[in-house]
Amino acid sequence: MKKLITLIALVVGASAAFGQGLVNFNNNVFPNSGAGDGTVDNPDRLVYLGALGGTKLTGTFYKAELYYLDTSGSLQPIAASLSNFRSATTIFPGTWSGKNPLSLPAGVGGVGVPITLSVRVWDGTSFQSYESALAGGANTGQSANFVYTQTLSTPPAPADTFLAGLRAFSVVPEPSAIALGVLGIAGLLLIRRRK
């Protein structure tokens, strides 16, 4: 009997040490979302195109991916989280078709273990990753880093794995693309003025 108790204690300790957290990688599941008609009107969790308050982002060519802050202080992508935004005809504009549950990498998070997360979004038409889209001057956006802690209630509630700390953000073109656009318009105005 003592050996069995010792074995159970070792298994529980090992699973806690190498445990992994779960997260609901969706931004359309929060309370206070919608008026009961299927729409999401909680602006705190949505992604916008252009400046905040602009058009809610839609289009399956846009990608969202979840990143976690590792022990060295750099954000690492969770490849299994890669998700498309919803189509232009969705009743959930500004949201992606995420994963639930999404398992975090081994040793990251877990019940009661706070971790820092961030969501990155990019135009995936020509780019496979956020980093390549950023380098290529495509439309990109990143949420502010936020702390996520998986909870465990009895009975388990859907909200135990919600990304409650996620806040709205915008997808915008690289400043260099904006600057080039302004220069181009200025050049056209100068040419037109000479005529």
N, C-alpha and C. Protein backbone atom coordinates (compact mmCIF):
# COMPACT_ATOMS: atom_id res chain seq x y z
N MET A 1 0.83 -1.20 0.00
CA MET A 1 0.00 0.00 0.00
C MET A 1 0.87 1.26 0.00
N LYS A 2 1.97 1.21 0.78
CA LYS A 2 2.86 2.37 0.83
C LYS A 2 3.50 2.62 -0.53
N LYS A 3 3.81 1.52 -1.25
CA LYS A 3 4.42 1.69 -2.57
C LYS A 3 3.43 2.34 -3.53
N LEU A 4 2.15 1.96 -3.42
CA LEU A 4 1.13 2.53 -4.29
C LEU A 4 0.95 4.02 -4.02
N ILE A 5 0.93 4.42 -2.78
CA ILE A 5 0.80 5.83 -2.41
C ILE A 5 2.00 6.62 -2.91
N THR A 6 3.18 6.05 -2.77
CA THR A 6 4.40 6.71 -3.26
C THR A 6 4.35 6.86 -4.77
N LEU A 7 3.92 5.82 -5.46
CA LEU A 7 3.82 5.87 -6.92
C LEU A 7 2.82 6.94 -7.37
N ILE A 8 1.68 7.02 -6.72
CA ILE A 8 0.67 8.03 -7.06
C ILE A 8 1.23 9.42 -6.82
N ALA A 9 1.93 9.63 -5.73
CA ALA A 9 2.53 10.94 -5.43
C ALA A 9 3.55 11.33 -6.50
N LEU A 10 4.35 10.36 -6.94
CA LEU A 10 5.34 10.63 -7.99
C LEU A 10 4.69 10.98 -9.32
N VAL A 11 3.63 10.25 -9.67
CA VAL A 11 2.93 10.52 -10.93
C VAL A 11 2.29 11.90 -10.90
N VAL A 12 1.65 12.25 -9.78
CA VAL A 12 1.02 13.57 -9.66
C VAL A 12 2.08 14.67 -9.73
N GLY A 13 3.20 14.48 -9.04
CA GLY A 13 4.28 15.47 -9.06
C GLY A 13 4.88 15.63 -10.44
N ALA A 14 5.09 14.53 -11.14
CA ALA A 14 5.66 14.60 -12.49
C ALA A 14 4.70 15.26 -13.46
N SER A 15 3.41 14.96 -13.35
CA SER A 15 2.45 15.58 -14.27
C SER A 15 2.34 17.07 -13.99
N ALA A 16 2.50 17.48 -12.74
CA ALA A 16 2.47 18.92 -12.42
C ALA A 16 3.71 19.60 -12.97
N ALA A 17 4.86 18.92 -12.85
CA ALA A 17 6.11 19.52 -13.33
C ALA A 17 6.14 19.63 -14.84
N PHE A 18 5.60 18.65 -15.53
CA PHE A 18 5.63 18.65 -16.98
C PHE A 18 4.25 18.93 -17.58
N GLY A 19 3.36 19.47 -16.76
CA GLY A 19 2.01 19.74 -17.22
C GLY A 19 1.99 20.82 -18.27
N GLN A 20 0.90 20.87 -18.98
CA GLN A 20 0.75 21.92 -19.96
C GLN A 20 -0.62 22.53 -19.80
N GLY A 21 -0.69 23.80 -20.08
CA GLY A 21 -1.94 24.50 -19.92
C GLY A 21 -2.83 24.37 -21.14
N LEU A 22 -4.07 24.74 -20.94
CA LEU A 22 -5.06 24.78 -22.02
C LEU A 22 -5.58 26.20 -22.13
N VAL A 23 -5.98 26.58 -23.32
CA VAL A 23 -6.55 27.90 -23.55
C VAL A 23 -7.61 27.77 -24.64
N ASN A 24 -8.64 28.59 -24.52
CA ASN A 24 -9.66 28.67 -25.56
C ASN A 24 -9.23 29.82 -26.47
N PHE A 25 -8.61 29.48 -27.60
CA PHE A 25 -8.07 30.50 -28.51
C PHE A 25 -9.16 31.00 -29.46
N ASN A 26 -10.12 31.68 -28.89
CA ASN A 26 -11.20 32.32 -29.63
C ASN A 26 -11.43 33.69 -29.00
N ASN A 27 -11.92 34.63 -29.77
CA ASN A 27 -12.24 35.94 -29.19
C ASN A 27 -13.71 36.29 -29.40
N ASN A 28 -14.55 35.28 -29.58
CA ASN A 28 -15.99 35.52 -29.74
C ASN A 28 -16.82 34.77 -28.70
N VAL A 29 -16.19 34.40 -27.60
CA VAL A 29 -16.86 33.53 -26.64
C VAL A 29 -17.15 34.22 -25.31
N PHE A 30 -16.92 35.52 -25.23
CA PHE A 30 -17.01 36.19 -23.94
C PHE A 30 -18.43 36.58 -23.59
N PRO A 31 -18.72 36.60 -22.30
CA PRO A 31 -20.02 37.13 -21.88
C PRO A 31 -20.12 38.59 -22.33
N ASN A 32 -21.30 39.12 -22.38
CA ASN A 32 -21.52 40.50 -22.80
C ASN A 32 -21.19 40.66 -24.28
N SER A 33 -21.27 39.56 -25.03
CA SER A 33 -21.03 39.63 -26.47
C SER A 33 -22.35 39.47 -27.19
N GLY A 34 -22.76 40.50 -27.86
CA GLY A 34 -23.95 40.43 -28.69
C GLY A 34 -25.23 40.72 -27.96
N ALA A 35 -26.25 40.89 -28.73
CA ALA A 35 -27.56 41.22 -28.19
C ALA A 35 -28.49 40.02 -28.30
N GLY A 36 -27.93 38.82 -28.31
CA GLY A 36 -28.74 37.63 -28.43
C GLY A 36 -29.05 37.28 -29.87
N ASP A 37 -28.51 38.05 -30.82
CA ASP A 37 -28.79 37.79 -32.24
C ASP A 37 -27.60 37.17 -32.96
N GLY A 38 -26.60 36.71 -32.19
CA GLY A 38 -25.44 36.08 -32.78
C GLY A 38 -24.30 37.03 -33.08
N THR A 39 -24.55 38.33 -33.00
CA THR A 39 -23.48 39.29 -33.28
C THR A 39 -22.58 39.47 -32.06
N VAL A 40 -21.38 39.94 -32.31
CA VAL A 40 -20.45 40.24 -31.22
C VAL A 40 -20.29 41.75 -31.18
N ASP A 41 -20.75 42.38 -30.11
CA ASP A 41 -20.62 43.83 -30.05
C ASP A 41 -19.76 44.27 -28.88
N ASN A 42 -18.96 43.35 -28.33
CA ASN A 42 -18.04 43.72 -27.27
C ASN A 42 -16.74 44.17 -27.92
N PRO A 43 -16.53 45.48 -28.06
CA PRO A 43 -15.37 45.96 -28.82
C PRO A 43 -14.04 45.68 -28.14
N ASP A 44 -14.09 45.24 -26.90
CA ASP A 44 -12.86 45.00 -26.15
C ASP A 44 -12.07 43.80 -26.64
N ARG A 45 -12.65 42.92 -27.44
CA ARG A 45 -11.98 41.68 -27.82
C ARG A 45 -11.78 41.54 -29.33
N LEU A 46 -12.12 42.56 -30.10
CA LEU A 46 -12.14 42.43 -31.55
C LEU A 46 -10.87 42.97 -32.20
N VAL A 47 -10.64 42.57 -33.44
CA VAL A 47 -9.52 43.05 -34.24
C VAL A 47 -10.10 43.92 -35.35
N TYR A 48 -9.47 45.07 -35.54
CA TYR A 48 -9.95 46.05 -36.50
C TYR A 48 -8.94 46.22 -37.63
N LEU A 49 -9.43 46.65 -38.78
CA LEU A 49 -8.58 46.99 -39.92
C LEU A 49 -8.43 48.50 -39.93
N GLY A 50 -7.21 48.98 -39.92
CA GLY A 50 -6.98 50.42 -39.81
C GLY A 50 -6.92 50.81 -38.35
N ALA A 51 -7.35 52.02 -38.06
CA ALA A 51 -7.29 52.51 -36.68
C ALA A 51 -8.40 51.88 -35.85
N LEU A 52 -8.20 51.82 -34.54
CA LEU A 52 -9.23 51.29 -33.64
C LEU A 52 -10.52 52.06 -33.87
N GLY A 53 -11.61 51.36 -33.99
CA GLY A 53 -12.86 52.00 -34.31
C GLY A 53 -13.14 51.93 -35.80
N GLY A 54 -12.18 51.40 -36.56
CA GLY A 54 -12.35 51.23 -38.01
C GLY A 54 -13.20 50.00 -38.29
N THR A 55 -13.03 49.45 -39.46
CA THR A 55 -13.78 48.27 -39.88
C THR A 55 -13.31 47.05 -39.11
N LYS A 56 -14.24 46.22 -38.67
CA LYS A 56 -13.86 44.97 -38.01
C LYS A 56 -13.27 44.04 -39.06
N LEU A 57 -12.15 43.43 -38.72
CA LEU A 57 -11.39 42.61 -39.66
C LEU A 57 -12.14 41.34 -40.03
N THR A 58 -12.23 41.06 -41.33
CA THR A 58 -12.77 39.79 -41.84
C THR A 58 -11.90 39.35 -43.01
N GLY A 59 -12.07 38.13 -43.42
CA GLY A 59 -11.35 37.60 -44.57
C GLY A 59 -10.46 36.44 -44.17
N THR A 60 -10.70 35.29 -44.78
CA THR A 60 -9.98 34.08 -44.38
C THR A 60 -8.51 34.10 -44.75
N PHE A 61 -8.06 35.09 -45.53
CA PHE A 61 -6.63 35.20 -45.84
C PHE A 61 -5.87 35.83 -44.68
N TYR A 62 -6.58 36.46 -43.74
CA TYR A 62 -5.92 36.98 -42.54
C TYR A 62 -5.72 35.84 -41.55
N LYS A 63 -4.57 35.84 -40.89
CA LYS A 63 -4.20 34.78 -39.94
C LYS A 63 -4.02 35.36 -38.54
N ALA A 64 -4.35 34.57 -37.53
CA ALA A 64 -4.11 34.92 -36.13
C ALA A 64 -3.31 33.79 -35.51
N GLU A 65 -2.34 34.14 -34.67
CA GLU A 65 -1.53 33.13 -34.00
C GLU A 65 -1.24 33.59 -32.58
N LEU A 66 -1.26 32.64 -31.66
CA LEU A 66 -1.00 32.92 -30.25
C LEU A 66 0.48 32.73 -29.95
N TYR A 67 1.05 33.67 -29.20
CA TYR A 67 2.46 33.63 -28.79
C TYR A 67 2.53 33.62 -27.27
N TYR A 68 3.55 32.97 -26.72
CA TYR A 68 3.77 33.00 -25.27
C TYR A 68 5.18 33.53 -24.99
N LEU A 69 5.34 34.15 -23.83
CA LEU A 69 6.63 34.70 -23.43
C LEU A 69 7.43 33.60 -22.75
N ASP A 70 8.57 33.24 -23.36
CA ASP A 70 9.38 32.16 -22.79
C ASP A 70 10.28 32.68 -21.66
N THR A 71 11.05 31.79 -21.08
CA THR A 71 11.88 32.15 -19.92
C THR A 71 13.00 33.12 -20.27
N SER A 72 13.35 33.23 -21.56
CA SER A 72 14.38 34.19 -21.97
C SER A 72 13.79 35.56 -22.27
N GLY A 73 12.48 35.69 -22.19
CA GLY A 73 11.83 36.98 -22.41
C GLY A 73 11.45 37.27 -23.85
N SER A 74 11.44 36.25 -24.70
CA SER A 74 11.02 36.48 -26.09
C SER A 74 9.71 35.75 -26.37
N LEU A 75 8.92 36.33 -27.27
CA LEU A 75 7.63 35.73 -27.63
C LEU A 75 7.85 34.60 -28.63
N GLN A 76 7.26 33.45 -28.34
CA GLN A 76 7.38 32.27 -29.18
C GLN A 76 6.00 31.88 -29.71
N PRO A 77 5.89 31.56 -31.01
CA PRO A 77 4.59 31.18 -31.55
C PRO A 77 4.17 29.78 -31.10
N ILE A 78 2.88 29.61 -30.96
CA ILE A 78 2.31 28.29 -30.69
C ILE A 78 1.71 27.84 -32.02
N ALA A 79 2.47 27.03 -32.76
CA ALA A 79 2.12 26.69 -34.14
C ALA A 79 0.71 26.11 -34.26
N ALA A 80 0.28 25.35 -33.29
CA ALA A 80 -1.04 24.72 -33.37
C ALA A 80 -2.16 25.75 -33.27
N SER A 81 -1.84 27.00 -32.91
CA SER A 81 -2.87 28.02 -32.75
C SER A 81 -3.23 28.74 -34.04
N LEU A 82 -2.44 28.55 -35.10
CA LEU A 82 -2.65 29.27 -36.35
C LEU A 82 -4.10 29.14 -36.80
N SER A 83 -4.77 30.28 -36.97
CA SER A 83 -6.21 30.29 -37.29
C SER A 83 -6.52 31.35 -38.33
N ASN A 84 -7.54 31.08 -39.13
CA ASN A 84 -8.01 32.05 -40.12
C ASN A 84 -9.09 32.93 -39.51
N PHE A 85 -9.17 34.16 -40.02
CA PHE A 85 -10.30 35.00 -39.64
C PHE A 85 -11.54 34.50 -40.37
N ARG A 86 -12.68 34.96 -39.93
CA ARG A 86 -13.94 34.50 -40.53
C ARG A 86 -14.19 35.21 -41.86
N SER A 87 -15.04 34.63 -42.67
CA SER A 87 -15.33 35.18 -44.01
C SER A 87 -16.01 36.54 -43.89
N ALA A 88 -16.03 37.25 -44.99
CA ALA A 88 -16.62 38.59 -45.02
C ALA A 88 -18.11 38.59 -44.70
N THR A 89 -18.78 37.45 -44.84
CA THR A 89 -20.23 37.38 -44.57
C THR A 89 -20.55 36.94 -43.14
N THR A 90 -19.53 36.84 -42.29
CA THR A 90 -19.74 36.35 -40.93
C THR A 90 -20.62 37.27 -40.09
N ILE A 91 -21.29 36.70 -39.11
CA ILE A 91 -22.00 37.52 -38.13
C ILE A 91 -21.08 37.83 -36.95
N PHE A 92 -19.81 37.37 -37.03
CA PHE A 92 -18.82 37.63 -36.00
C PHE A 92 -17.62 38.39 -36.56
N PRO A 93 -17.80 39.59 -37.15
CA PRO A 93 -16.65 40.30 -37.70
C PRO A 93 -15.66 40.67 -36.60
N GLY A 94 -14.37 40.66 -36.95
CA GLY A 94 -13.34 40.99 -35.97
C GLY A 94 -12.84 39.80 -35.19
N THR A 95 -13.30 38.59 -35.56
CA THR A 95 -12.93 37.38 -34.81
C THR A 95 -12.32 36.34 -35.75
N TRP A 96 -11.54 35.46 -35.16
CA TRP A 96 -10.95 34.36 -35.93
C TRP A 96 -11.60 33.05 -35.53
N SER A 97 -11.45 32.05 -36.37
CA SER A 97 -11.95 30.70 -36.09
C SER A 97 -10.85 29.97 -35.35
N GLY A 98 -10.85 30.07 -34.05
CA GLY A 98 -9.75 29.56 -33.24
C GLY A 98 -9.85 28.11 -32.87
N LYS A 99 -9.10 27.73 -31.88
CA LYS A 99 -9.01 26.34 -31.41
C LYS A 99 -9.46 26.28 -29.95
N ASN A 100 -10.25 25.27 -29.63
CA ASN A 100 -10.67 25.05 -28.25
C ASN A 100 -10.89 23.56 -28.02
N PRO A 101 -10.14 22.95 -27.11
CA PRO A 101 -9.07 23.58 -26.36
C PRO A 101 -7.77 23.56 -27.17
N LEU A 102 -6.95 24.56 -26.94
CA LEU A 102 -5.62 24.62 -27.51
C LEU A 102 -4.65 24.26 -26.41
N SER A 103 -3.83 23.24 -26.64
CA SER A 103 -2.83 22.84 -25.65
C SER A 103 -1.59 23.70 -25.81
N LEU A 104 -1.14 24.27 -24.72
CA LEU A 104 0.10 25.04 -24.72
C LEU A 104 1.27 24.07 -24.73
N PRO A 105 2.47 24.53 -25.10
CA PRO A 105 3.62 23.62 -25.09
C PRO A 105 3.87 23.04 -23.70
N ALA A 106 4.47 21.86 -23.66
CA ALA A 106 4.75 21.18 -22.39
C ALA A 106 5.53 22.10 -21.46
N GLY A 107 5.09 22.16 -20.22
CA GLY A 107 5.76 22.98 -19.21
C GLY A 107 5.34 24.44 -19.23
N VAL A 108 4.42 24.82 -20.12
CA VAL A 108 3.96 26.21 -20.19
C VAL A 108 2.55 26.28 -19.64
N GLY A 109 2.36 27.11 -18.64
CA GLY A 109 1.04 27.33 -18.07
C GLY A 109 0.56 26.14 -17.26
N GLY A 110 -0.74 26.03 -17.15
CA GLY A 110 -1.38 25.03 -16.32
C GLY A 110 -2.33 25.72 -15.35
N VAL A 111 -3.09 24.96 -14.62
CA VAL A 111 -4.06 25.53 -13.69
C VAL A 111 -3.34 26.35 -12.63
N GLY A 112 -3.73 27.62 -12.53
CA GLY A 112 -3.18 28.51 -11.51
C GLY A 112 -1.80 29.07 -11.82
N VAL A 113 -1.26 28.78 -13.02
CA VAL A 113 0.08 29.25 -13.38
C VAL A 113 -0.06 30.41 -14.37
N PRO A 114 0.26 31.64 -13.95
CA PRO A 114 0.13 32.77 -14.87
C PRO A 114 1.23 32.76 -15.93
N ILE A 115 0.84 33.05 -17.16
CA ILE A 115 1.80 33.18 -18.27
C ILE A 115 1.45 34.43 -19.07
N THR A 116 2.42 34.93 -19.80
CA THR A 116 2.19 36.11 -20.64
C THR A 116 1.97 35.66 -22.08
N LEU A 117 0.87 36.16 -22.65
CA LEU A 117 0.50 35.80 -24.03
C LEU A 117 0.34 37.05 -24.88
N SER A 118 0.35 36.86 -26.17
CA SER A 118 0.08 37.93 -27.13
C SER A 118 -0.50 37.28 -28.39
N VAL A 119 -1.36 38.01 -29.07
CA VAL A 119 -1.93 37.53 -30.33
C VAL A 119 -1.36 38.38 -31.45
N ARG A 120 -0.89 37.74 -32.51
CA ARG A 120 -0.38 38.45 -33.68
C ARG A 120 -1.22 38.08 -34.89
N VAL A 121 -1.49 39.09 -35.71
CA VAL A 121 -2.36 38.93 -36.88
C VAL A 121 -1.63 39.50 -38.09
N TRP A 122 -1.79 38.85 -39.25
CA TRP A 122 -1.16 39.35 -40.47
C TRP A 122 -1.97 38.92 -41.68
N ASP A 123 -1.67 39.61 -42.79
CA ASP A 123 -2.26 39.27 -44.07
C ASP A 123 -1.49 38.06 -44.61
N GLY A 124 -2.14 36.91 -44.64
CA GLY A 124 -1.48 35.67 -45.05
C GLY A 124 -1.56 35.40 -46.54
N THR A 125 -1.94 36.39 -47.33
CA THR A 125 -2.03 36.18 -48.78
C THR A 125 -0.71 35.70 -49.35
N SER A 126 0.38 36.34 -48.95
CA SER A 126 1.70 36.00 -49.49
C SER A 126 2.70 35.55 -48.43
N PHE A 127 2.29 35.55 -47.17
CA PHE A 127 3.24 35.28 -46.09
C PHE A 127 2.72 34.18 -45.16
N GLN A 128 3.63 33.27 -44.80
CA GLN A 128 3.27 32.13 -43.96
C GLN A 128 3.38 32.42 -42.47
N SER A 129 4.10 33.50 -42.10
CA SER A 129 4.28 33.80 -40.68
C SER A 129 4.17 35.30 -40.44
N TYR A 130 3.93 35.65 -39.19
CA TYR A 130 3.86 37.06 -38.80
C TYR A 130 5.18 37.76 -39.09
N GLU A 131 6.28 37.10 -38.76
CA GLU A 131 7.60 37.70 -38.93
C GLU A 131 7.90 38.01 -40.40
N SER A 132 7.56 37.07 -41.30
CA SER A 132 7.81 37.32 -42.72
C SER A 132 6.87 38.41 -43.25
N ALA A 133 5.63 38.47 -42.77
CA ALA A 133 4.70 39.52 -43.18
C ALA A 133 5.18 40.88 -42.71
N LEU A 134 5.70 40.94 -41.49
CA LEU A 134 6.23 42.19 -40.95
C LEU A 134 7.42 42.66 -41.78
N ALA A 135 8.33 41.74 -42.09
CA ALA A 135 9.52 42.08 -42.89
C ALA A 135 9.13 42.48 -44.31
N GLY A 136 8.05 41.90 -44.83
CA GLY A 136 7.61 42.18 -46.19
C GLY A 136 6.70 43.38 -46.32
N GLY A 137 6.39 44.05 -45.23
CA GLY A 137 5.56 45.25 -45.28
C GLY A 137 4.08 44.99 -45.42
N ALA A 138 3.63 43.78 -45.14
CA ALA A 138 2.19 43.46 -45.23
C ALA A 138 1.45 44.05 -44.03
N ASN A 139 0.13 44.00 -44.09
CA ASN A 139 -0.67 44.44 -42.96
C ASN A 139 -0.44 43.49 -41.79
N THR A 140 -0.06 44.05 -40.64
CA THR A 140 0.18 43.25 -39.44
C THR A 140 -0.40 43.97 -38.23
N GLY A 141 -0.59 43.23 -37.17
CA GLY A 141 -1.03 43.80 -35.91
C GLY A 141 -0.70 42.87 -34.77
N GLN A 142 -0.55 43.43 -33.59
CA GLN A 142 -0.20 42.63 -32.41
C GLN A 142 -0.93 43.19 -31.21
N SER A 143 -1.52 42.29 -30.42
CA SER A 143 -2.15 42.73 -29.19
C SER A 143 -1.08 43.12 -28.18
N ALA A 144 -1.47 43.87 -27.18
CA ALA A 144 -0.56 44.11 -26.07
C ALA A 144 -0.36 42.79 -25.33
N ASN A 145 0.80 42.60 -24.74
CA ASN A 145 1.02 41.41 -23.92
C ASN A 145 0.01 41.42 -22.78
N PHE A 146 -0.51 40.25 -22.43
CA PHE A 146 -1.46 40.15 -21.33
C PHE A 146 -1.19 38.88 -20.54
N VAL A 147 -1.60 38.90 -19.28
CA VAL A 147 -1.39 37.75 -18.41
C VAL A 147 -2.62 36.86 -18.48
N TYR A 148 -2.38 35.57 -18.66
CA TYR A 148 -3.44 34.57 -18.73
C TYR A 148 -3.18 33.55 -17.63
N THR A 149 -4.22 33.22 -16.88
CA THR A 149 -4.14 32.16 -15.87
C THR A 149 -5.32 31.23 -16.06
N GLN A 150 -5.02 29.98 -16.33
CA GLN A 150 -6.07 28.97 -16.46
C GLN A 150 -6.64 28.70 -15.08
N THR A 151 -7.94 28.70 -14.96
CA THR A 151 -8.57 28.42 -13.67
C THR A 151 -9.24 27.05 -13.73
N LEU A 152 -9.66 26.59 -12.59
CA LEU A 152 -10.34 25.30 -12.51
C LEU A 152 -11.46 25.44 -11.50
N SER A 153 -12.67 25.49 -12.01
CA SER A 153 -13.82 25.61 -11.13
C SER A 153 -14.55 24.28 -11.09
N THR A 154 -15.41 24.13 -10.10
CA THR A 154 -16.19 22.90 -9.97
C THR A 154 -17.66 23.26 -9.94
N PRO A 155 -18.43 22.80 -10.90
CA PRO A 155 -18.04 22.03 -12.07
C PRO A 155 -17.26 22.93 -13.04
N PRO A 156 -16.46 22.34 -13.94
CA PRO A 156 -15.67 23.14 -14.86
C PRO A 156 -16.56 24.08 -15.70
N ALA A 157 -16.15 25.33 -15.78
CA ALA A 157 -16.91 26.32 -16.55
C ALA A 157 -16.17 26.63 -17.84
N PRO A 158 -16.89 26.96 -18.91
CA PRO A 158 -16.21 27.33 -20.15
C PRO A 158 -15.23 28.50 -19.96
N ALA A 159 -15.55 29.41 -19.05
CA ALA A 159 -14.71 30.59 -18.83
C ALA A 159 -13.37 30.26 -18.18
N ASP A 160 -13.15 29.03 -17.75
CA ASP A 160 -11.88 28.65 -17.12
C ASP A 160 -10.69 28.85 -18.05
N THR A 161 -10.92 28.80 -19.36
CA THR A 161 -9.81 28.90 -20.32
C THR A 161 -9.96 30.08 -21.29
N PHE A 162 -10.87 31.02 -20.99
CA PHE A 162 -11.04 32.19 -21.86
C PHE A 162 -9.81 33.09 -21.80
N LEU A 163 -9.51 33.78 -22.90
CA LEU A 163 -8.43 34.76 -22.95
C LEU A 163 -8.95 36.10 -22.41
N ALA A 164 -9.26 36.12 -21.12
CA ALA A 164 -9.93 37.28 -20.53
C ALA A 164 -9.08 38.55 -20.60
N GLY A 165 -7.75 38.44 -20.63
CA GLY A 165 -6.90 39.63 -20.66
C GLY A 165 -6.71 40.23 -22.03
N LEU A 166 -7.17 39.55 -23.08
CA LEU A 166 -7.00 40.04 -24.45
C LEU A 166 -7.80 41.32 -24.65
N ARG A 167 -7.18 42.32 -25.25
CA ARG A 167 -7.86 43.58 -25.56
C ARG A 167 -7.81 43.83 -27.06
N ALA A 168 -8.73 44.63 -27.56
CA ALA A 168 -8.83 44.92 -28.98
C ALA A 168 -7.55 45.56 -29.50
N PHE A 169 -7.27 45.32 -30.77
CA PHE A 169 -6.13 45.95 -31.42
C PHE A 169 -6.41 46.06 -32.91
N SER A 170 -5.52 46.76 -33.62
CA SER A 170 -5.72 47.01 -35.04
C SER A 170 -4.63 46.39 -35.89
N VAL A 171 -4.99 46.05 -37.12
CA VAL A 171 -4.04 45.60 -38.13
C VAL A 171 -3.80 46.79 -39.05
N VAL A 172 -2.55 47.19 -39.17
CA VAL A 172 -2.21 48.36 -39.98
C VAL A 172 -1.04 48.05 -40.89
N PRO A 173 -0.91 48.78 -42.00
CA PRO A 173 0.26 48.57 -42.85
C PRO A 173 1.52 49.08 -42.16
N GLU A 174 2.65 48.56 -42.57
CA GLU A 174 3.94 49.03 -42.04
C GLU A 174 4.08 50.53 -42.27
N PRO A 175 4.70 51.26 -41.33
CA PRO A 175 4.89 52.70 -41.53
C PRO A 175 5.60 53.02 -42.84
N SER A 176 6.53 52.17 -43.27
CA SER A 176 7.23 52.44 -44.53
C SER A 176 6.25 52.43 -45.70
N ALA A 177 5.26 51.54 -45.68
CA ALA A 177 4.27 51.51 -46.75
C ALA A 177 3.42 52.77 -46.72
N ILE A 178 3.08 53.25 -45.53
CA ILE A 178 2.31 54.49 -45.40
C ILE A 178 3.14 55.65 -45.94
N ALA A 179 4.42 55.70 -45.54
CA ALA A 179 5.29 56.79 -46.00
C ALA A 179 5.42 56.78 -47.51
N LEU A 180 5.59 55.61 -48.10
CA LEU A 180 5.69 55.52 -49.56
C LEU A 180 4.39 55.97 -50.23
N GLY A 181 3.28 55.61 -49.63
CA GLY A 181 1.98 56.03 -50.16
C GLY A 181 1.83 57.55 -50.13
N VAL A 182 2.24 58.18 -49.03
CA VAL A 182 2.17 59.63 -48.90
C VAL A 182 3.09 60.29 -49.92
N LEU A 183 4.31 59.76 -50.08
CA LEU A 183 5.24 60.31 -51.07
C LEU A 183 4.67 60.19 -52.49
N GLY A 184 4.05 59.07 -52.79
CA GLY A 184 3.44 58.88 -54.11
C GLY A 184 2.33 59.88 -54.38
N ILE A 185 1.48 60.10 -53.39
CA ILE A 185 0.39 61.06 -53.54
C ILE A 185 0.95 62.47 -53.69
N ALA A 186 1.97 62.80 -52.90
CA ALA A 186 2.59 64.12 -53.00
C ALA A 186 3.19 64.31 -54.39
N GLY A 187 3.84 63.28 -54.93
CA GLY A 187 4.40 63.36 -56.28
C GLY A 187 3.34 63.59 -57.33
N LEU A 188 2.21 62.89 -57.20
CA LEU A 188 1.11 63.08 -58.15
C LEU A 188 0.55 64.51 -58.07
N LEU A 189 0.45 65.03 -56.86
CA LEU A 189 -0.05 66.41 -56.69
C LEU A 189 0.91 67.41 -57.34
N LEU A 190 2.24 67.19 -57.19
CA LEU A 190 3.21 68.08 -57.79
C LEU A 190 3.13 68.03 -59.33
N ILE A 191 3.00 66.85 -59.88
CA ILE A 191 2.88 66.72 -61.32
C ILE A 191 1.62 67.41 -61.83
N ARG A 192 0.54 67.22 -61.10
CA ARG A 192 -0.74 67.81 -61.51
C ARG A 192 -0.67 69.34 -61.42
N ARG A 193 0.02 69.83 -60.42
CA ARG A 193 0.11 71.28 -60.22
C ARG A 193 0.92 71.94 -61.33
N ARG A 194 1.92 71.25 -61.86
CA ARG A 194 2.75 71.80 -62.94
C ARG A 194 1.98 71.96 -64.23
N LYS A 195 0.96 71.13 -64.44
CA LYS A 195 0.18 71.20 -65.67
C LYS A 195 -0.75 72.35 -65.58
